[in-house]
Each structure stands twice: as C-alpha cells, then as structure tokens.
Amino acid sequence: MSDEAQDQKKALAKLKRKATEIAGQIHDIVEDSLWVDYGQLPELADKLVLACKEVEEFKS
C-alpha cells in the first residue's frame, strides 16, 4: 500500500473515531444520566451529524 493510501486510511479512521466518540457520549447520557444531562443531547446530535457528513464527504 502506498504512503498516500495509508495516509488516506488513517485520515478516514480519525474521522470515524471522532463520530464514534460523539455517539459514545450520547450513549453514556442515555444510559447513565438522561434526566440530568438531556440538555446536552441536541448539541451532541448536531456534532454527530456533522461528523458523519465529514466521513461521507471524505469517502467520496
């Protein structure tokens, strides 16, 4: 695999990890502290949508 291909693969993995981490934050709120931290959900949802769009744009 060429260096450029490896760099592309690493960049995609980084973008996916970012989206997964945000999804994990949402999951933690839903599982552990929904009634206290529910106000964070709209902002996290917006961040997750943007992160997923970044992944899709990178892939195309």
N, C-alpha and C. Protein backbone atom coordinates (compact mmCIF):
# COMPACT_ATOMS: atom_id res chain seq x y z
N MET A 1 0.85 -1.17 0.00
CA MET A 1 0.00 0.00 0.00
C MET A 1 0.91 1.24 0.00
N SER A 2 0.58 2.20 -0.82
CA SER A 2 1.40 3.40 -0.91
C SER A 2 1.24 4.28 0.33
N ASP A 3 2.19 5.17 0.50
CA ASP A 3 2.13 6.10 1.64
C ASP A 3 0.87 6.95 1.58
N GLU A 4 0.51 7.38 0.38
CA GLU A 4 -0.70 8.20 0.22
C GLU A 4 -1.95 7.43 0.62
N ALA A 5 -2.02 6.18 0.22
CA ALA A 5 -3.17 5.34 0.57
C ALA A 5 -3.23 5.12 2.08
N GLN A 6 -2.08 4.91 2.69
CA GLN A 6 -2.05 4.73 4.14
C GLN A 6 -2.48 6.01 4.85
N ASP A 7 -2.03 7.16 4.35
CA ASP A 7 -2.43 8.44 4.95
C ASP A 7 -3.94 8.64 4.83
N GLN A 8 -4.51 8.27 3.68
CA GLN A 8 -5.95 8.38 3.47
C GLN A 8 -6.70 7.47 4.44
N LYS A 9 -6.19 6.27 4.60
CA LYS A 9 -6.83 5.31 5.51
C LYS A 9 -6.79 5.82 6.95
N LYS A 10 -5.66 6.39 7.36
CA LYS A 10 -5.53 6.94 8.72
C LYS A 10 -6.46 8.13 8.92
N ALA A 11 -6.56 8.99 7.90
CA ALA A 11 -7.43 10.16 8.00
C ALA A 11 -8.89 9.73 8.13
N LEU A 12 -9.30 8.73 7.36
CA LEU A 12 -10.67 8.22 7.45
C LEU A 12 -10.92 7.61 8.82
N ALA A 13 -9.97 6.86 9.33
CA ALA A 13 -10.13 6.25 10.65
C ALA A 13 -10.27 7.33 11.73
N LYS A 14 -9.53 8.41 11.59
CA LYS A 14 -9.62 9.51 12.56
C LYS A 14 -11.01 10.15 12.53
N LEU A 15 -11.54 10.38 11.34
CA LEU A 15 -12.87 10.96 11.22
C LEU A 15 -13.93 10.02 11.79
N LYS A 16 -13.80 8.74 11.50
CA LYS A 16 -14.76 7.77 12.04
C LYS A 16 -14.68 7.70 13.56
N ARG A 17 -13.46 7.75 14.10
CA ARG A 17 -13.28 7.70 15.55
C ARG A 17 -13.96 8.91 16.21
N LYS A 18 -13.84 10.08 15.58
CA LYS A 18 -14.47 11.28 16.11
C LYS A 18 -15.99 11.07 16.20
N ALA A 19 -16.60 10.56 15.15
CA ALA A 19 -18.04 10.31 15.15
C ALA A 19 -18.41 9.28 16.21
N THR A 20 -17.62 8.24 16.33
CA THR A 20 -17.89 7.18 17.30
C THR A 20 -17.79 7.70 18.73
N GLU A 21 -16.84 8.58 18.98
CA GLU A 21 -16.70 9.15 20.33
C GLU A 21 -17.91 10.00 20.69
N ILE A 22 -18.42 10.77 19.74
CA ILE A 22 -19.61 11.58 20.00
C ILE A 22 -20.81 10.66 20.25
N ALA A 23 -20.94 9.62 19.44
CA ALA A 23 -22.04 8.66 19.65
C ALA A 23 -21.91 8.02 21.03
N GLY A 24 -20.70 7.77 21.46
CA GLY A 24 -20.48 7.20 22.80
C GLY A 24 -20.92 8.15 23.90
N GLN A 25 -20.68 9.44 23.70
CA GLN A 25 -21.13 10.43 24.69
C GLN A 25 -22.66 10.43 24.78
N ILE A 26 -23.31 10.36 23.62
CA ILE A 26 -24.77 10.30 23.61
C ILE A 26 -25.24 9.04 24.33
N HIS A 27 -24.62 7.93 24.03
CA HIS A 27 -24.98 6.66 24.68
C HIS A 27 -24.83 6.75 26.19
N ASP A 28 -23.72 7.33 26.64
CA ASP A 28 -23.49 7.44 28.08
C ASP A 28 -24.57 8.27 28.76
N ILE A 29 -24.97 9.36 28.12
CA ILE A 29 -26.03 10.18 28.70
C ILE A 29 -27.32 9.39 28.78
N VAL A 30 -27.67 8.72 27.69
CA VAL A 30 -28.92 7.95 27.65
C VAL A 30 -28.91 6.84 28.70
N GLU A 31 -27.78 6.18 28.86
CA GLU A 31 -27.70 5.06 29.79
C GLU A 31 -27.55 5.48 31.25
N ASP A 32 -26.84 6.59 31.49
CA ASP A 32 -26.46 6.89 32.87
C ASP A 32 -27.08 8.14 33.47
N SER A 33 -27.28 9.16 32.67
CA SER A 33 -27.65 10.44 33.28
C SER A 33 -28.67 11.22 32.47
N LEU A 34 -29.58 10.51 31.85
CA LEU A 34 -30.54 11.15 30.94
C LEU A 34 -31.27 12.32 31.59
N TRP A 35 -31.78 12.13 32.77
CA TRP A 35 -32.63 13.15 33.39
C TRP A 35 -31.84 14.34 33.91
N VAL A 36 -30.56 14.22 33.97
CA VAL A 36 -29.71 15.33 34.40
C VAL A 36 -29.07 16.04 33.20
N ASP A 37 -28.62 15.25 32.23
CA ASP A 37 -27.82 15.80 31.13
C ASP A 37 -28.53 15.83 29.78
N TYR A 38 -29.84 15.64 29.76
CA TYR A 38 -30.56 15.59 28.48
C TYR A 38 -30.40 16.87 27.66
N GLY A 39 -30.11 17.97 28.32
CA GLY A 39 -29.93 19.24 27.61
C GLY A 39 -28.72 19.25 26.68
N GLN A 40 -27.79 18.34 26.89
CA GLN A 40 -26.61 18.24 26.03
C GLN A 40 -26.89 17.49 24.73
N LEU A 41 -28.00 16.78 24.68
CA LEU A 41 -28.27 15.92 23.54
C LEU A 41 -28.42 16.66 22.21
N PRO A 42 -29.13 17.78 22.14
CA PRO A 42 -29.24 18.46 20.84
C PRO A 42 -27.88 18.89 20.27
N GLU A 43 -27.02 19.43 21.11
CA GLU A 43 -25.70 19.85 20.63
C GLU A 43 -24.88 18.65 20.19
N LEU A 44 -24.90 17.58 20.97
CA LEU A 44 -24.17 16.37 20.60
C LEU A 44 -24.72 15.75 19.32
N ALA A 45 -26.04 15.78 19.16
CA ALA A 45 -26.65 15.24 17.94
C ALA A 45 -26.19 16.03 16.73
N ASP A 46 -26.15 17.36 16.84
CA ASP A 46 -25.68 18.20 15.74
C ASP A 46 -24.22 17.88 15.41
N LYS A 47 -23.39 17.72 16.44
CA LYS A 47 -21.98 17.39 16.23
C LYS A 47 -21.84 16.04 15.54
N LEU A 48 -22.68 15.08 15.95
CA LEU A 48 -22.62 13.75 15.35
C LEU A 48 -23.01 13.78 13.88
N VAL A 49 -24.05 14.52 13.56
CA VAL A 49 -24.47 14.64 12.16
C VAL A 49 -23.34 15.24 11.33
N LEU A 50 -22.71 16.29 11.83
CA LEU A 50 -21.60 16.91 11.10
C LEU A 50 -20.42 15.95 10.94
N ALA A 51 -20.12 15.22 11.99
CA ALA A 51 -19.00 14.26 11.93
C ALA A 51 -19.29 13.16 10.91
N CYS A 52 -20.52 12.70 10.86
CA CYS A 52 -20.88 11.66 9.88
C CYS A 52 -20.82 12.22 8.46
N LYS A 53 -21.24 13.46 8.28
CA LYS A 53 -21.15 14.10 6.97
C LYS A 53 -19.69 14.23 6.54
N GLU A 54 -18.81 14.56 7.47
CA GLU A 54 -17.38 14.66 7.16
C GLU A 54 -16.85 13.32 6.66
N VAL A 55 -17.27 12.24 7.29
CA VAL A 55 -16.85 10.90 6.86
C VAL A 55 -17.33 10.63 5.44
N GLU A 56 -18.60 10.91 5.19
CA GLU A 56 -19.17 10.65 3.87
C GLU A 56 -18.51 11.51 2.80
N GLU A 57 -18.24 12.76 3.10
CA GLU A 57 -17.58 13.64 2.14
C GLU A 57 -16.16 13.16 1.86
N PHE A 58 -15.48 12.71 2.89
CA PHE A 58 -14.11 12.22 2.72
C PHE A 58 -14.10 10.99 1.83
N LYS A 59 -15.08 10.13 2.02
CA LYS A 59 -15.13 8.89 1.25
C LYS A 59 -15.45 9.12 -0.22
N SER A 60 -16.10 10.23 -0.54
CA SER A 60 -16.47 10.47 -1.94
C SER A 60 -15.50 11.34 -2.68
